Structures are given as C-alpha cells and as structure tokens.
Amino acid sequence: MLMYKDFYRLRERPFSKTPDPRFLYLSKGHREALARLQYVIEEREMALLTGEIGCGKTTLSRALMDSMGDECRFCFIVNPRLSSLEFLRSIARSLLSTPPAEEKESLLNQIADALFMYHNEGVCPVVIIDEAQLIPDGEVFNEIRLLTNYQLDDRNLLSVILMGQPELRSMLASPVFEPLRQRITMHYHLSPLEMDDILEYLDYRLEVAGGAAGLFSPDAVQRIYELSGGVPRKINHLATNAILEGYGRDAAMIDGAIIDSVATELLL
C-alpha cells in the first residue's frame, strides 16, 4: 500500500471511503446544499437533504459541522433504528454532561433545560439524523416534529436536519406526516456529479492527498463517468483500484484501458 503512495507521490489515500470533509469537492450542487444548510442552522429551522447512496451527504454534513465551528453543538444520529424513547435519550446524551433520564417526562425536561442553557450561552444545538429513511417508528418522526416546539417568541431553540435516500421523500409524502412537512423549511436533493465535474473531483482529491493533478487521462475520466454515473462513492472505488492497477503496470498516467481493466474485476 505504501509503495503505491510513493510511486504517485501521495501522502495519504486520495479516494478513501471515510467521510473526511477535507476531501469534499464542492460541485455546484454540493456548494448550494452546504450554503442552504448553513442558512437553516443560522435561522434555527428544519431541513430535508436527500440523495442517492454515495452522493456525499454524510461528508457534506461533516463539512457543515466544521464550517459552523463552536457556535453550534451537534447531535449526530447515524443509526436511526430507534424507538421514540431511545431517540430522545440519544439527543439528551449529546446535549448533557450527565446521564440521560430513564423516563420520557424527565428526559424532555432535561432536553428543555439543556436547550435554554445553550441559548443563554449563544450556542445553537443542531440535530442531524443520517439515513432517516430507516426510522422504523412513526412516533420517532413525531418526536422530531415536537423538537421544534422548543422555541422563544422569535425563534426555535435548535435546528434539525433530516438526511436520507430519495425514498425518504416518498415516506414523508404520506398525509400522516403533513404536520412534520409543514415544519421543514428547506428541501434539497443532492444529485450525482456531472461529467464536467469528474476531472476536477479527481484532481482535487489527489492534490489534497499530496499528489499532482492530471493523473487521470481524458478517456479515463470519460470511462469513470460512464461507469459511476457521477456518484462520488463509485468514483472513489474505481479510482482507488485504478491507482493500484496503474502502480502494478508502472503507469505514470491512468488511462481508459486501466479503468476498463478494473471495471471488469469489479463487475461494473
């Protein structure tokens, strides 16, 4: 592994699967999504962000957290397969320095006290729920709605961001969720990268990793776009395997033939 880094003069892996915000390439769509989410937090509102698997929603949320700095307290729920009580305990655990209560009424009081404390300190609590389409219980969605009832006369005391795959929109289209939908002030769907973005995406990540732009030839970029559909996670998978294949061939540049070779191995 280290040898391929030396060969291509890389300090670290440029196409890792981890959601490192340093590697977030801000396409037009990602830049707009980030700006909208920042606005939602500043206004203490609720947002819905959807996108296909691997489009960069989680990485974008990490970049959002970095961009807001100490003025926010983030509660990030990565596994929303929770009961309503477990959901509230997860939020309380993120907001409190003491263990969350066992009973719902005490939990709600703890959360309310914490929200007012953060307000007095000038800090905005932000609840981010990833993979929200996996929420199994309608009561959890109801608790999410009720979180927005914590407010002063002129603003909410926290911001809530729901993130998920496109089916989340279909779920929330049900009439039963009309009260929740009315609380969502920002809807945004994160689309895959366009063809024109692919080369810049590859070069950006290579440069962040300490390498040089231009490693992928134009025909390689074309094949990556065709095989990945512009989905960043698929691009990363192809690019990682292409670099390993290129190293094995002593190739100074990754061309379309190398992409086709790894695509066959990956059954793409």
C-alpha atoms as a PDB file:
ATOM      1  CA  MET A   1       0.000   0.000   0.000  1.00  0.00           C
ATOM      2  CA  LEU A   2       2.714   2.470   0.973  1.00  0.00           C
ATOM      3  CA  MET A   3       4.635   1.744  -2.232  1.00  0.00           C
ATOM      4  CA  TYR A   4       1.858   2.979  -4.499  1.00  0.00           C
ATOM      5  CA  LYS A   5       1.748   6.200  -2.469  1.00  0.00           C
ATOM      6  CA  ASP A   6       5.472   6.724  -3.039  1.00  0.00           C
ATOM      7  CA  PHE A   7       5.101   5.904  -6.727  1.00  0.00           C
ATOM      8  CA  TYR A   8       2.432   8.580  -7.232  1.00  0.00           C
ATOM      9  CA  ARG A   9       3.911  10.938  -4.581  1.00  0.00           C
ATOM     10  CA  LEU A  10       0.899  10.755  -2.291  1.00  0.00           C
ATOM     11  CA  ARG A  11       0.949  11.450   1.454  1.00  0.00           C
ATOM     12  CA  GLU A  12      -2.320   9.626   2.068  1.00  0.00           C
ATOM     13  CA  ARG A  13      -5.075   7.768   0.256  1.00  0.00           C
ATOM     14  CA  PRO A  14      -6.885  10.202  -2.059  1.00  0.00           C
ATOM     15  CA  PHE A  15     -10.051   8.162  -2.505  1.00  0.00           C
ATOM     16  CA  SER A  16     -10.726   6.756   0.946  1.00  0.00           C
ATOM     17  CA  LYS A  17     -14.269   5.698   1.881  1.00  0.00           C
ATOM     18  CA  THR A  18     -14.245   7.698   5.116  1.00  0.00           C
ATOM     19  CA  PRO A  19     -16.277  10.961   5.091  1.00  0.00           C
ATOM     20  CA  ASP A  20     -13.299  13.289   5.590  1.00  0.00           C
ATOM     21  CA  PRO A  21     -14.505  16.869   4.954  1.00  0.00           C
ATOM     22  CA  ARG A  22     -11.028  17.871   3.729  1.00  0.00           C
ATOM     23  CA  PHE A  23     -11.709  15.796   0.616  1.00  0.00           C
ATOM     24  CA  LEU A  24     -15.148  17.251  -0.083  1.00  0.00           C
ATOM     25  CA  TYR A  25     -15.169  18.583  -3.627  1.00  0.00           C
ATOM     26  CA  LEU A  26     -17.712  21.371  -3.753  1.00  0.00           C
ATOM     27  CA  SER A  27     -19.518  20.942  -7.023  1.00  0.00           C
ATOM     28  CA  LYS A  28     -22.233  23.479  -7.777  1.00  0.00           C
ATOM     29  CA  GLY A  29     -24.806  21.191  -6.159  1.00  0.00           C
ATOM     30  CA  HIS A  30     -22.711  20.470  -3.068  1.00  0.00           C
ATOM     31  CA  ARG A  31     -21.878  24.163  -2.647  1.00  0.00           C
ATOM     32  CA  GLU A  32     -25.550  25.117  -2.832  1.00  0.00           C
ATOM     33  CA  ALA A  33     -26.537  22.360  -0.396  1.00  0.00           C
ATOM     34  CA  LEU A  34     -23.889  23.488   2.090  1.00  0.00           C
ATOM     35  CA  ALA A  35     -24.993  27.117   1.848  1.00  0.00           C
ATOM     36  CA  ARG A  36     -28.639  26.178   2.378  1.00  0.00           C
ATOM     37  CA  LEU A  37     -27.831  24.029   5.398  1.00  0.00           C
ATOM     38  CA  GLN A  38     -25.778  26.827   6.920  1.00  0.00           C
ATOM     39  CA  TYR A  39     -28.738  29.166   6.456  1.00  0.00           C
ATOM     40  CA  VAL A  40     -31.101  26.665   8.087  1.00  0.00           C
ATOM     41  CA  ILE A  41     -28.854  26.467  11.133  1.00  0.00           C
ATOM     42  CA  GLU A  42     -28.494  30.222  11.364  1.00  0.00           C
ATOM     43  CA  GLU A  43     -32.296  30.553  11.290  1.00  0.00           C
ATOM     44  CA  ARG A  44     -32.828  27.599  13.683  1.00  0.00           C
ATOM     45  CA  GLU A  45     -35.064  25.805  11.165  1.00  0.00           C
ATOM     46  CA  MET A  46     -35.576  22.247   9.878  1.00  0.00           C
ATOM     47  CA  ALA A  47     -34.117  20.890   6.614  1.00  0.00           C
ATOM     48  CA  LEU A  48     -34.532  17.798   4.460  1.00  0.00           C
ATOM     49  CA  LEU A  49     -31.492  16.699   2.430  1.00  0.00           C
ATOM     50  CA  THR A  50     -31.820  13.683   0.126  1.00  0.00           C
ATOM     51  CA  GLY A  51     -29.555  11.992  -2.378  1.00  0.00           C
ATOM     52  CA  GLU A  52     -28.703   8.613  -3.837  1.00  0.00           C
ATOM     53  CA  ILE A  53     -26.385   6.256  -1.946  1.00  0.00           C
ATOM     54  CA  GLY A  54     -22.814   7.539  -2.122  1.00  0.00           C
ATOM     55  CA  CYS A  55     -23.595  11.076  -3.307  1.00  0.00           C
ATOM     56  CA  GLY A  56     -21.762  12.692  -0.382  1.00  0.00           C
ATOM     57  CA  LYS A  57     -24.498  13.534   2.123  1.00  0.00           C
ATOM     58  CA  THR A  58     -22.521  12.351   5.154  1.00  0.00           C
ATOM     59  CA  THR A  59     -19.299  14.038   4.019  1.00  0.00           C
ATOM     60  CA  LEU A  60     -21.281  17.223   3.425  1.00  0.00           C
ATOM     61  CA  SER A  61     -22.662  17.064   6.966  1.00  0.00           C
ATOM     62  CA  ARG A  62     -19.116  16.750   8.341  1.00  0.00           C
ATOM     63  CA  ALA A  63     -18.085  19.805   6.331  1.00  0.00           C
ATOM     64  CA  LEU A  64     -21.140  21.631   7.690  1.00  0.00           C
ATOM     65  CA  MET A  65     -20.071  20.828  11.238  1.00  0.00           C
ATOM     66  CA  ASP A  66     -16.561  22.141  10.554  1.00  0.00           C
ATOM     67  CA  SER A  67     -17.871  25.312   8.918  1.00  0.00           C
ATOM     68  CA  MET A  68     -20.120  26.276  11.834  1.00  0.00           C
ATOM     69  CA  GLY A  69     -17.416  25.938  14.481  1.00  0.00           C
ATOM     70  CA  ASP A  70     -18.035  26.500  18.184  1.00  0.00           C
ATOM     71  CA  GLU A  71     -21.282  28.397  17.675  1.00  0.00           C
ATOM     72  CA  CYS A  72     -23.125  25.069  17.337  1.00  0.00           C
ATOM     73  CA  ARG A  73     -23.496  21.910  19.410  1.00  0.00           C
ATOM     74  CA  PHE A  74     -24.066  18.968  17.061  1.00  0.00           C
ATOM     75  CA  CYS A  75     -26.014  15.840  17.895  1.00  0.00           C
ATOM     76  CA  PHE A  76     -25.335  13.362  15.091  1.00  0.00           C
ATOM     77  CA  ILE A  77     -27.549  10.262  14.927  1.00  0.00           C
ATOM     78  CA  VAL A  78     -26.031   7.770  12.478  1.00  0.00           C
ATOM     79  CA  ASN A  79     -28.302   4.808  13.236  1.00  0.00           C
ATOM     80  CA  PRO A  80     -31.922   5.963  13.473  1.00  0.00           C
ATOM     81  CA  ARG A  81     -33.377   2.488  14.003  1.00  0.00           C
ATOM     82  CA  LEU A  82     -34.553   3.608  17.416  1.00  0.00           C
ATOM     83  CA  SER A  83     -37.709   3.703  19.460  1.00  0.00           C
ATOM     84  CA  SER A  84     -39.007   7.158  20.354  1.00  0.00           C
ATOM     85  CA  LEU A  85     -37.566   6.842  23.857  1.00  0.00           C
ATOM     86  CA  GLU A  86     -34.168   5.700  22.562  1.00  0.00           C
ATOM     87  CA  PHE A  87     -34.210   8.606  20.122  1.00  0.00           C
ATOM     88  CA  LEU A  88     -34.792  11.143  22.898  1.00  0.00           C
ATOM     89  CA  ARG A  89     -32.107   9.522  25.034  1.00  0.00           C
ATOM     90  CA  SER A  90     -29.618   9.825  22.143  1.00  0.00           C
ATOM     91  CA  ILE A  91     -30.323  13.529  21.864  1.00  0.00           C
ATOM     92  CA  ALA A  92     -30.128  14.051  25.619  1.00  0.00           C
ATOM     93  CA  ARG A  93     -26.838  12.144  25.741  1.00  0.00           C
ATOM     94  CA  SER A  94     -25.349  14.529  23.171  1.00  0.00           C
ATOM     95  CA  LEU A  95     -26.606  17.660  24.899  1.00  0.00           C
ATOM     96  CA  LEU A  96     -25.939  16.803  28.526  1.00  0.00           C
ATOM     97  CA  SER A  97     -22.862  16.270  30.644  1.00  0.00           C
ATOM     98  CA  THR A  98     -24.882  13.944  32.888  1.00  0.00           C
ATOM     99  CA  PRO A  99     -26.531  10.590  32.064  1.00  0.00           C
ATOM    100  CA  PRO A 100     -29.974  10.893  30.417  1.00  0.00           C
ATOM    101  CA  ALA A 101     -33.050  10.034  32.451  1.00  0.00           C
ATOM    102  CA  GLU A 102     -34.875   6.751  32.017  1.00  0.00           C
ATOM    103  CA  GLU A 103     -38.421   8.131  31.850  1.00  0.00           C
ATOM    104  CA  LYS A 104     -39.755  10.236  28.986  1.00  0.00           C
ATOM    105  CA  GLU A 105     -41.062  13.141  31.057  1.00  0.00           C
ATOM    106  CA  SER A 106     -37.715  13.553  32.831  1.00  0.00           C
ATOM    107  CA  LEU A 107     -35.910  13.245  29.502  1.00  0.00           C
ATOM    108  CA  LEU A 108     -37.969  16.033  27.976  1.00  0.00           C
ATOM    109  CA  ASN A 109     -37.278  18.252  30.965  1.00  0.00           C
ATOM    110  CA  GLN A 110     -33.542  17.560  30.645  1.00  0.00           C
ATOM    111  CA  ILE A 111     -33.600  18.401  26.937  1.00  0.00           C
ATOM    112  CA  ALA A 112     -35.567  21.605  27.569  1.00  0.00           C
ATOM    113  CA  ASP A 113     -33.150  22.718  30.283  1.00  0.00           C
ATOM    114  CA  ALA A 114     -30.170  21.983  28.026  1.00  0.00           C
ATOM    115  CA  LEU A 115     -31.656  23.926  25.096  1.00  0.00           C
ATOM    116  CA  PHE A 116     -32.260  27.013  27.219  1.00  0.00           C
ATOM    117  CA  MET A 117     -28.756  26.718  28.667  1.00  0.00           C
ATOM    118  CA  TYR A 118     -27.214  26.623  25.189  1.00  0.00           C
ATOM    119  CA  HIS A 119     -29.381  29.565  24.129  1.00  0.00           C
ATOM    120  CA  ASN A 120     -28.087  31.625  27.039  1.00  0.00           C
ATOM    121  CA  GLU A 121     -24.537  30.713  26.007  1.00  0.00           C
ATOM    122  CA  GLY A 122     -25.169  31.775  22.398  1.00  0.00           C
ATOM    123  CA  VAL A 123     -24.852  28.229  21.071  1.00  0.00           C
ATOM    124  CA  CYS A 124     -27.263  26.584  18.613  1.00  0.00           C
ATOM    125  CA  PRO A 125     -27.906  22.853  19.135  1.00  0.00           C
ATOM    126  CA  VAL A 126     -28.208  21.023  15.794  1.00  0.00           C
ATOM    127  CA  VAL A 127     -29.713  17.542  15.482  1.00  0.00           C
ATOM    128  CA  ILE A 128     -28.557  15.737  12.316  1.00  0.00           C
ATOM    129  CA  ILE A 129     -30.273  12.427  11.554  1.00  0.00           C
ATOM    130  CA  ASP A 130     -28.485  10.396   8.886  1.00  0.00           C
ATOM    131  CA  GLU A 131     -30.208   7.619   6.911  1.00  0.00           C
ATOM    132  CA  ALA A 132     -33.546   8.913   8.180  1.00  0.00           C
ATOM    133  CA  GLN A 133     -35.414   6.632   5.758  1.00  0.00           C
ATOM    134  CA  LEU A 134     -34.519   3.809   8.182  1.00  0.00           C
ATOM    135  CA  ILE A 135     -36.558   5.286  11.028  1.00  0.00           C
ATOM    136  CA  PRO A 136     -38.884   2.367  11.888  1.00  0.00           C
ATOM    137  CA  ASP A 137     -41.461   4.097  14.042  1.00  0.00           C
ATOM    138  CA  GLY A 138     -43.793   6.945  13.157  1.00  0.00           C
ATOM    139  CA  GLU A 139     -43.537   8.068  16.773  1.00  0.00           C
ATOM    140  CA  VAL A 140     -39.891   8.983  16.148  1.00  0.00           C
ATOM    141  CA  PHE A 141     -40.953  11.341  13.356  1.00  0.00           C
ATOM    142  CA  ASN A 142     -43.478  12.808  15.756  1.00  0.00           C
ATOM    143  CA  GLU A 143     -40.750  13.407  18.355  1.00  0.00           C
ATOM    144  CA  ILE A 144     -38.668  15.102  15.644  1.00  0.00           C
ATOM    145  CA  ARG A 145     -41.592  17.420  14.920  1.00  0.00           C
ATOM    146  CA  LEU A 146     -42.106  18.155  18.597  1.00  0.00           C
ATOM    147  CA  LEU A 147     -38.457  19.177  18.963  1.00  0.00           C
ATOM    148  CA  THR A 148     -39.329  22.318  17.005  1.00  0.00           C
ATOM    149  CA  ASN A 149     -41.788  23.259  19.755  1.00  0.00           C
ATOM    150  CA  TYR A 150     -38.822  24.277  21.889  1.00  0.00           C
ATOM    151  CA  GLN A 151     -38.773  27.953  20.981  1.00  0.00           C
ATOM    152  CA  LEU A 152     -38.813  31.542  22.106  1.00  0.00           C
ATOM    153  CA  ASP A 153     -41.178  34.165  20.735  1.00  0.00           C
ATOM    154  CA  ASP A 154     -38.923  34.907  17.764  1.00  0.00           C
ATOM    155  CA  ARG A 155     -37.016  31.692  17.034  1.00  0.00           C
ATOM    156  CA  ASN A 156     -36.568  27.982  17.650  1.00  0.00           C
ATOM    157  CA  LEU A 157     -34.014  26.821  20.183  1.00  0.00           C
ATOM    158  CA  LEU A 158     -32.476  24.231  17.868  1.00  0.00           C
ATOM    159  CA  SER A 159     -32.109  23.214  14.239  1.00  0.00           C
ATOM    160  CA  VAL A 160     -32.955  19.777  12.819  1.00  0.00           C
ATOM    161  CA  ILE A 161     -31.547  18.252   9.610  1.00  0.00           C
ATOM    162  CA  LEU A 162     -33.024  15.064   8.156  1.00  0.00           C
ATOM    163  CA  MET A 163     -30.767  13.286   5.660  1.00  0.00           C
ATOM    164  CA  GLY A 164     -31.611  10.193   3.658  1.00  0.00           C
ATOM    165  CA  GLN A 165     -32.064   8.415   0.385  1.00  0.00           C
ATOM    166  CA  PRO A 166     -34.760   9.521  -2.106  1.00  0.00           C
ATOM    167  CA  GLU A 167     -37.366   7.177  -0.582  1.00  0.00           C
ATOM    168  CA  LEU A 168     -37.373   9.431   2.471  1.00  0.00           C
ATOM    169  CA  ARG A 169     -39.275  12.000   0.414  1.00  0.00           C
ATOM    170  CA  SER A 170     -41.846   9.358  -0.518  1.00  0.00           C
ATOM    171  CA  MET A 171     -42.224   8.372   3.135  1.00  0.00           C
ATOM    172  CA  LEU A 172     -42.803  11.941   4.233  1.00  0.00           C
ATOM    173  CA  ALA A 173     -45.330  12.498   1.420  1.00  0.00           C
ATOM    174  CA  SER A 174     -47.833  10.417   3.388  1.00  0.00           C
ATOM    175  CA  PRO A 175     -50.719  12.507   4.781  1.00  0.00           C
ATOM    176  CA  VAL A 176     -49.852  11.302   8.276  1.00  0.00           C
ATOM    177  CA  PHE A 177     -46.647  13.325   8.127  1.00  0.00           C
ATOM    178  CA  GLU A 178     -48.286  16.579   6.999  1.00  0.00           C
ATOM    179  CA  PRO A 179     -47.634  18.266  10.392  1.00  0.00           C
ATOM    180  CA  LEU A 180     -43.924  17.375  10.095  1.00  0.00           C
ATOM    181  CA  ARG A 181     -43.673  18.507   6.455  1.00  0.00           C
ATOM    182  CA  GLN A 182     -45.050  21.911   7.430  1.00  0.00           C
ATOM    183  CA  ARG A 183     -42.085  22.353   9.787  1.00  0.00           C
ATOM    184  CA  ILE A 184     -39.491  21.659   7.045  1.00  0.00           C
ATOM    185  CA  THR A 185     -38.384  24.971   5.576  1.00  0.00           C
ATOM    186  CA  MET A 186     -35.634  23.710   3.237  1.00  0.00           C
ATOM    187  CA  HIS A 187     -35.801  20.769   0.824  1.00  0.00           C
ATOM    188  CA  TYR A 188     -32.774  19.889  -1.281  1.00  0.00           C
ATOM    189  CA  HIS A 189     -31.862  16.858  -3.397  1.00  0.00           C
ATOM    190  CA  LEU A 190     -28.152  16.222  -3.930  1.00  0.00           C
ATOM    191  CA  SER A 191     -27.569  14.951  -7.478  1.00  0.00           C
ATOM    192  CA  PRO A 192     -24.576  12.964  -8.803  1.00  0.00           C
ATOM    193  CA  LEU A 193     -21.662  14.852 -10.331  1.00  0.00           C
ATOM    194  CA  GLU A 194     -21.852  15.979 -13.940  1.00  0.00           C
ATOM    195  CA  MET A 195     -19.270  14.889 -16.498  1.00  0.00           C
ATOM    196  CA  ASP A 196     -17.543  18.279 -16.308  1.00  0.00           C
ATOM    197  CA  ASP A 197     -17.045  17.835 -12.558  1.00  0.00           C
ATOM    198  CA  ILE A 198     -15.335  14.434 -12.667  1.00  0.00           C
ATOM    199  CA  LEU A 199     -11.853  15.611 -13.684  1.00  0.00           C
ATOM    200  CA  GLU A 200     -11.899  18.433 -11.125  1.00  0.00           C
ATOM    201  CA  TYR A 201     -13.133  15.998  -8.477  1.00  0.00           C
ATOM    202  CA  LEU A 202     -10.285  13.560  -9.163  1.00  0.00           C
ATOM    203  CA  ASP A 203      -7.635  16.281  -9.317  1.00  0.00           C
ATOM    204  CA  TYR A 204      -8.908  17.966  -6.153  1.00  0.00           C
ATOM    205  CA  ARG A 205      -8.702  14.801  -4.101  1.00  0.00           C
ATOM    206  CA  LEU A 206      -5.274  13.939  -5.496  1.00  0.00           C
ATOM    207  CA  GLU A 207      -3.949  17.367  -4.530  1.00  0.00           C
ATOM    208  CA  VAL A 208      -5.428  17.181  -1.007  1.00  0.00           C
ATOM    209  CA  ALA A 209      -3.637  13.833  -0.631  1.00  0.00           C
ATOM    210  CA  GLY A 210      -0.339  15.489  -1.609  1.00  0.00           C
ATOM    211  CA  GLY A 211      -0.252  14.353  -5.217  1.00  0.00           C
ATOM    212  CA  ALA A 212      -0.416  16.187  -8.517  1.00  0.00           C
ATOM    213  CA  ALA A 213      -3.354  16.873 -10.789  1.00  0.00           C
ATOM    214  CA  GLY A 214      -3.540  15.242 -14.188  1.00  0.00           C
ATOM    215  CA  LEU A 215      -3.022  11.615 -13.181  1.00  0.00           C
ATOM    216  CA  PHE A 216      -6.195  10.523 -14.991  1.00  0.00           C
ATOM    217  CA  SER A 217      -6.307  10.900 -18.767  1.00  0.00           C
ATOM    218  CA  PRO A 218      -9.404  12.335 -20.513  1.00  0.00           C
ATOM    219  CA  ASP A 219     -10.509   8.898 -21.729  1.00  0.00           C
ATOM    220  CA  ALA A 220     -10.121   7.530 -18.176  1.00  0.00           C
ATOM    221  CA  VAL A 221     -12.317  10.354 -16.865  1.00  0.00           C
ATOM    222  CA  GLN A 222     -14.921   9.586 -19.533  1.00  0.00           C
ATOM    223  CA  ARG A 223     -14.994   5.898 -18.583  1.00  0.00           C
ATOM    224  CA  ILE A 224     -15.205   6.694 -14.875  1.00  0.00           C
ATOM    225  CA  TYR A 225     -18.194   8.920 -15.517  1.00  0.00           C
ATOM    226  CA  GLU A 226     -19.911   6.268 -17.643  1.00  0.00           C
ATOM    227  CA  LEU A 227     -19.303   3.507 -15.092  1.00  0.00           C
ATOM    228  CA  SER A 228     -20.058   5.515 -11.933  1.00  0.00           C
ATOM    229  CA  GLY A 229     -22.930   7.676 -13.125  1.00  0.00           C
ATOM    230  CA  GLY A 230     -21.229  10.542 -11.290  1.00  0.00           C
ATOM    231  CA  VAL A 231     -21.768   9.013  -7.820  1.00  0.00           C
ATOM    232  CA  PRO A 232     -18.732  10.002  -5.696  1.00  0.00           C
ATOM    233  CA  ARG A 233     -18.535   6.719  -3.774  1.00  0.00           C
ATOM    234  CA  LYS A 234     -18.420   4.740  -7.032  1.00  0.00           C
ATOM    235  CA  ILE A 235     -15.853   7.169  -8.433  1.00  0.00           C
ATOM    236  CA  ASN A 236     -13.668   6.610  -5.368  1.00  0.00           C
ATOM    237  CA  HIS A 237     -13.936   2.835  -5.708  1.00  0.00           C
ATOM    238  CA  LEU A 238     -12.926   2.920  -9.366  1.00  0.00           C
ATOM    239  CA  ALA A 239     -10.143   5.445  -8.815  1.00  0.00           C
ATOM    240  CA  THR A 240      -8.625   3.517  -5.893  1.00  0.00           C
ATOM    241  CA  ASN A 241      -8.467   0.291  -7.863  1.00  0.00           C
ATOM    242  CA  ALA A 242      -7.179   2.128 -10.931  1.00  0.00           C
ATOM    243  CA  ILE A 243      -4.280   3.608  -8.955  1.00  0.00           C
ATOM    244  CA  LEU A 244      -3.351   0.170  -7.619  1.00  0.00           C
ATOM    245  CA  GLU A 245      -3.550  -1.249 -11.149  1.00  0.00           C
ATOM    246  CA  GLY A 246      -1.540   1.660 -12.507  1.00  0.00           C
ATOM    247  CA  TYR A 247       1.151   1.104  -9.910  1.00  0.00           C
ATOM    248  CA  GLY A 248       1.314  -2.563 -10.857  1.00  0.00           C
ATOM    249  CA  ARG A 249       1.843  -1.555 -14.503  1.00  0.00           C
ATOM    250  CA  ASP A 250       4.372   1.221 -13.690  1.00  0.00           C
ATOM    251  CA  ALA A 251       1.954   3.580 -15.416  1.00  0.00           C
ATOM    252  CA  ALA A 252       2.689   7.279 -14.976  1.00  0.00           C
ATOM    253  CA  MET A 253      -0.865   8.067 -16.103  1.00  0.00           C
ATOM    254  CA  ILE A 254      -4.151   6.257 -15.565  1.00  0.00           C
ATOM    255  CA  ASP A 255      -5.812   5.769 -18.945  1.00  0.00           C
ATOM    256  CA  GLY A 256      -9.100   4.326 -20.140  1.00  0.00           C
ATOM    257  CA  ALA A 257      -7.627   0.843 -20.576  1.00  0.00           C
ATOM    258  CA  ILE A 258      -6.744   0.702 -16.884  1.00  0.00           C
ATOM    259  CA  ILE A 259     -10.246   1.828 -15.932  1.00  0.00           C
ATOM    260  CA  ASP A 260     -11.781  -0.861 -18.159  1.00  0.00           C
ATOM    261  CA  SER A 261      -9.498  -3.458 -16.595  1.00  0.00           C
ATOM    262  CA  VAL A 262     -10.520  -2.667 -13.017  1.00  0.00           C
ATOM    263  CA  ALA A 263     -14.154  -2.281 -14.066  1.00  0.00           C
ATOM    264  CA  THR A 264     -14.079  -5.891 -15.289  1.00  0.00           C
ATOM    265  CA  GLU A 265     -12.635  -7.001 -11.955  1.00  0.00           C
ATOM    266  CA  LEU A 266     -15.298  -5.014 -10.078  1.00  0.00           C
ATOM    267  CA  LEU A 267     -18.033  -6.427 -12.327  1.00  0.00           C
ATOM    268  CA  LEU A 268     -19.080  -2.965 -13.465  1.00  0.00           C
END
